[in-house]
C-alpha atoms as a PDB file:
ATOM      1  CA  MET A   1       0.085  -0.017  -0.058  1.00  0.00           C
ATOM      2  CA  LEU A   2       2.477   2.382   1.168  1.00  0.00           C
ATOM      3  CA  LEU A   3       5.792   0.970  -0.337  1.00  0.00           C
ATOM      4  CA  ILE A   4       5.676   1.762  -3.475  1.00  0.00           C
ATOM      5  CA  GLN A   5       6.850   5.565  -1.943  1.00  0.00           C
ATOM      6  CA  LEU A   6      10.340   3.570  -0.570  1.00  0.00           C
ATOM      7  CA  GLU A   7      13.610   3.802  -2.606  1.00  0.00           C
ATOM      8  CA  ALA A   8      14.754   1.235  -4.629  1.00  0.00           C
ATOM      9  CA  LYS A   9      16.952   0.169  -2.396  1.00  0.00           C
ATOM     10  CA  GLU A  10      15.112   0.436   0.658  1.00  0.00           C
ATOM     11  CA  LYS A  11      12.188  -1.924  -1.345  1.00  0.00           C
ATOM     12  CA  PHE A  12      15.046  -4.920  -1.039  1.00  0.00           C
ATOM     13  CA  ALA A  13      15.806  -4.142   2.680  1.00  0.00           C
ATOM     14  CA  PHE A  14      12.380  -4.249   3.665  1.00  0.00           C
ATOM     15  CA  LEU A  15      12.076  -7.507   1.462  1.00  0.00           C
ATOM     16  CA  LYS A  16      14.736  -8.875   3.885  1.00  0.00           C
ATOM     17  CA  LEU A  17      12.901  -7.307   6.725  1.00  0.00           C
ATOM     18  CA  ALA A  18       9.622  -8.976   5.750  1.00  0.00           C
ATOM     19  CA  HIS A  19      11.373 -12.717   5.452  1.00  0.00           C
ATOM     20  CA  TYR A  20      12.740 -11.883   8.522  1.00  0.00           C
ATOM     21  CA  ILE A  21      10.007 -11.267  10.521  1.00  0.00           C
ATOM     22  CA  ALA A  22       8.107 -13.968   8.789  1.00  0.00           C
ATOM     23  CA  LYS A  23      10.238 -16.287   9.497  1.00  0.00           C
ATOM     24  CA  SER A  24      11.255 -15.290  12.829  1.00  0.00           C
ATOM     25  CA  ASP A  25       8.519 -17.420  15.276  1.00  0.00           C
ATOM     26  CA  GLY A  26       9.612 -20.356  12.677  1.00  0.00           C
ATOM     27  CA  ASN A  27       6.778 -20.909  10.976  1.00  0.00           C
ATOM     28  CA  TYR A  28       6.493 -19.462   6.976  1.00  0.00           C
ATOM     29  CA  SER A  29       2.908 -19.293   7.120  1.00  0.00           C
ATOM     30  CA  THR A  30       1.296 -19.382   3.593  1.00  0.00           C
ATOM     31  CA  GLN A  31      -0.506 -16.661   4.992  1.00  0.00           C
ATOM     32  CA  GLU A  32       3.006 -14.599   5.345  1.00  0.00           C
ATOM     33  CA  LYS A  33       4.314 -16.260   1.774  1.00  0.00           C
ATOM     34  CA  GLU A  34       1.302 -14.610  -0.102  1.00  0.00           C
ATOM     35  CA  ILE A  35       1.466 -11.071   2.044  1.00  0.00           C
ATOM     36  CA  ILE A  36       5.376 -10.837   0.637  1.00  0.00           C
ATOM     37  CA  GLU A  37       4.050 -11.773  -2.550  1.00  0.00           C
ATOM     38  CA  GLU A  38       1.785  -8.768  -2.519  1.00  0.00           C
ATOM     39  CA  TYR A  39       4.989  -6.431  -1.408  1.00  0.00           C
ATOM     40  CA  CYS A  40       6.866  -7.902  -4.149  1.00  0.00           C
ATOM     41  CA  PHE A  41       4.425  -7.355  -6.878  1.00  0.00           C
ATOM     42  CA  GLU A  42       3.447  -3.741  -5.053  1.00  0.00           C
ATOM     43  CA  MET A  43       7.333  -3.189  -4.928  1.00  0.00           C
ATOM     44  CA  GLY A  44       7.416  -3.694  -8.720  1.00  0.00           C
ATOM     45  CA  ILE A  45      10.386  -6.614  -7.523  1.00  0.00           C
ATOM     46  CA  ASP A  46      11.337  -9.989  -7.870  1.00  0.00           C
ATOM     47  CA  ASN A  47      10.880 -11.975  -4.677  1.00  0.00           C
ATOM     48  CA  PHE A  48      13.599 -13.836  -3.279  1.00  0.00           C
ATOM     49  CA  GLU A  49      14.778 -15.822   0.294  1.00  0.00           C
ATOM     50  CA  LEU A  50      17.540 -15.609   2.118  1.00  0.00           C
ATOM     51  CA  PRO A  51      17.991 -17.912   5.097  1.00  0.00           C
ATOM     52  CA  PHE A  52      16.665 -16.556   8.280  1.00  0.00           C
ATOM     53  CA  GLU A  53      20.557 -16.528   9.744  1.00  0.00           C
ATOM     54  CA  SER A  54      21.810 -14.925   6.681  1.00  0.00           C
ATOM     55  CA  ILE A  55      20.333 -11.567   7.540  1.00  0.00           C
ATOM     56  CA  ASP A  56      21.366  -8.673   8.706  1.00  0.00           C
ATOM     57  CA  ILE A  57      19.285  -6.497  10.569  1.00  0.00           C
ATOM     58  CA  ASP A  58      21.492  -3.616  11.467  1.00  0.00           C
ATOM     59  CA  GLU A  59      23.255  -3.815   8.219  1.00  0.00           C
ATOM     60  CA  VAL A  60      19.563  -3.226   6.632  1.00  0.00           C
ATOM     61  CA  ILE A  61      17.548  -0.776   9.201  1.00  0.00           C
ATOM     62  CA  ASN A  62      20.889   1.232   7.689  1.00  0.00           C
ATOM     63  CA  THR A  63      19.443   1.788   4.013  1.00  0.00           C
ATOM     64  CA  PHE A  64      16.535   3.621   5.831  1.00  0.00           C
ATOM     65  CA  ARG A  65      17.375   7.095   6.693  1.00  0.00           C
ATOM     66  CA  CYS A  66      14.122   9.117   6.433  1.00  0.00           C
ATOM     67  CA  LYS A  67      11.587   9.151   9.240  1.00  0.00           C
ATOM     68  CA  LYS A  68       8.871   8.340   6.660  1.00  0.00           C
ATOM     69  CA  SER A  69      10.816   5.025   5.044  1.00  0.00           C
ATOM     70  CA  LYS A  70      11.140   4.350   8.699  1.00  0.00           C
ATOM     71  CA  CYS A  71       7.514   4.790   9.143  1.00  0.00           C
ATOM     72  CA  ILE A  72       6.268   3.424   6.074  1.00  0.00           C
ATOM     73  CA  ILE A  73       8.945   0.018   6.694  1.00  0.00           C
ATOM     74  CA  LEU A  74       6.692  -1.034  10.326  1.00  0.00           C
ATOM     75  CA  MET A  75       4.004  -0.515   9.839  1.00  0.00           C
ATOM     76  CA  GLU A  76       3.486  -2.667   5.927  1.00  0.00           C
ATOM     77  CA  LEU A  77       5.666  -5.403   8.840  1.00  0.00           C
ATOM     78  CA  MET A  78       2.733  -4.923  10.950  1.00  0.00           C
ATOM     79  CA  ILE A  79       0.601  -6.279   8.455  1.00  0.00           C
ATOM     80  CA  LEU A  80       3.266  -9.183   8.200  1.00  0.00           C
ATOM     81  CA  ALA A  81       3.147  -9.892  11.810  1.00  0.00           C
ATOM     82  CA  HIS A  82      -0.449  -9.758  12.466  1.00  0.00           C
ATOM     83  CA  CYS A  83      -1.533 -11.917   9.045  1.00  0.00           C
ATOM     84  CA  ASP A  84      -2.042 -14.767  10.190  1.00  0.00           C
ATOM     85  CA  ASP A  85      -3.685 -13.714  13.881  1.00  0.00           C
ATOM     86  CA  THR A  86      -0.434 -14.765  15.879  1.00  0.00           C
ATOM     87  CA  TYR A  87       1.343 -11.804  16.329  1.00  0.00           C
ATOM     88  CA  ASN A  88       4.050 -14.093  19.019  1.00  0.00           C
ATOM     89  CA  GLU A  89       6.237 -12.892  21.537  1.00  0.00           C
ATOM     90  CA  ALA A  90       9.444 -13.257  19.110  1.00  0.00           C
ATOM     91  CA  GLU A  91       7.711 -10.832  16.350  1.00  0.00           C
ATOM     92  CA  ASN A  92       7.142  -8.522  19.056  1.00  0.00           C
ATOM     93  CA  ALA A  93      10.673  -8.615  20.429  1.00  0.00           C
ATOM     94  CA  ILE A  94      12.232  -8.148  16.784  1.00  0.00           C
ATOM     95  CA  LEU A  95       9.758  -4.925  15.871  1.00  0.00           C
ATOM     96  CA  SER A  96      10.146  -3.479  19.274  1.00  0.00           C
ATOM     97  CA  ASN A  97      14.273  -3.583  18.870  1.00  0.00           C
ATOM     98  CA  LEU A  98      13.981  -2.020  15.142  1.00  0.00           C
ATOM     99  CA  ALA A  99      11.859  -0.080  16.594  1.00  0.00           C
ATOM    100  CA  LYS A 100      14.795   1.600  18.583  1.00  0.00           C
ATOM    101  CA  LYS A 101      16.666   1.314  15.821  1.00  0.00           C
ATOM    102  CA  LEU A 102      15.318   3.052  13.762  1.00  0.00           C
ATOM    103  CA  ASP A 103      14.379   5.772  16.186  1.00  0.00           C
ATOM    104  CA  ILE A 104      10.329   5.123  16.622  1.00  0.00           C
ATOM    105  CA  THR A 105       8.997   5.128  19.957  1.00  0.00           C
ATOM    106  CA  GLN A 106       6.829   2.395  21.490  1.00  0.00           C
ATOM    107  CA  LYS A 107       4.057   4.576  21.158  1.00  0.00           C
ATOM    108  CA  GLU A 108       4.313   5.061  17.300  1.00  0.00           C
ATOM    109  CA  LEU A 109       5.242   1.192  17.404  1.00  0.00           C
ATOM    110  CA  LYS A 110       2.001   0.938  18.907  1.00  0.00           C
ATOM    111  CA  MET A 111      -0.269   2.655  16.413  1.00  0.00           C
ATOM    112  CA  PHE A 112       1.282   1.027  13.687  1.00  0.00           C
ATOM    113  CA  SER A 113       0.463  -2.156  15.836  1.00  0.00           C
ATOM    114  CA  ASN A 114      -2.783  -1.412  15.632  1.00  0.00           C
ATOM    115  CA  TRP A 115      -3.359  -0.090  12.174  1.00  0.00           C
ATOM    116  CA  GLY A 116      -1.226  -3.528  10.925  1.00  0.00           C
ATOM    117  CA  LYS A 117      -3.904  -5.844  12.644  1.00  0.00           C
ATOM    118  CA  ALA A 118      -6.433  -3.732  11.484  1.00  0.00           C
ATOM    119  CA  VAL A 119      -5.836  -3.766   7.776  1.00  0.00           C
ATOM    120  CA  SER A 120      -4.442  -7.417   8.225  1.00  0.00           C
ATOM    121  CA  SER A 121      -8.322  -8.351   8.982  1.00  0.00           C
ATOM    122  CA  LEU A 122      -9.538  -6.042   6.880  1.00  0.00           C
ATOM    123  CA  ARG A 123      -7.878  -8.210   3.594  1.00  0.00           C
ATOM    124  CA  ASN A 124      -8.898 -11.195   5.301  1.00  0.00           C
ATOM    125  CA  GLN A 125     -12.235 -10.016   5.368  1.00  0.00           C
ATOM    126  CA  ALA A 126     -12.090  -9.349   1.476  1.00  0.00           C
ATOM    127  CA  ILE A 127     -10.543 -12.602   0.546  1.00  0.00           C
ATOM    128  CA  LEU A 128     -13.301 -14.555   2.110  1.00  0.00           C
ATOM    129  CA  MET A 129     -16.323 -12.376   0.662  1.00  0.00           C
ATOM    130  CA  SER A 130     -14.505 -12.887  -2.533  1.00  0.00           C
ATOM    131  CA  LEU A 131     -14.709 -16.553  -2.496  1.00  0.00           C
ATOM    132  CA  ASP A 132     -17.455 -18.384  -3.447  1.00  0.00           C
END
C-alpha cells in the first residue's frame, strides 16, 4: 500500500526484513508468503528468499534514512506480523528492537501495530467475501 514510495535500495532492504519477520517464529505460513508476494508485486521487484540466519539486521536498517521510510516499513511489517492472527513474542521482540534502532517510539509502534492488525483483518475479510 505504501511501499511504492520507498527508494529502490529500500525496497530490497524491506524485503529482507519481511522475510526475517515471517520466519522469526519458525513458521513461515501461507498467509505470510502471500503477503510477501503482494509486497513484491507492489514494489515491482522479484521475490528472493534468504535464510533467516543470513540477514544482518543492523546492515539492513541502515538503508532507511528518512522518518517517512522508517514509518512505512514498520507499518507494513505490522500487517505481515498480524496476518496469521499470531503476533507472537518473537515478532514483537524483533519489531520492538527495530523500532528502537529506527528511532520510532513505543507509542508510534503501538499505533502501527493497531493499524497493521486492522489492515490485516480487512484484507482477510475481503478474501473471504470474494470466495464463491
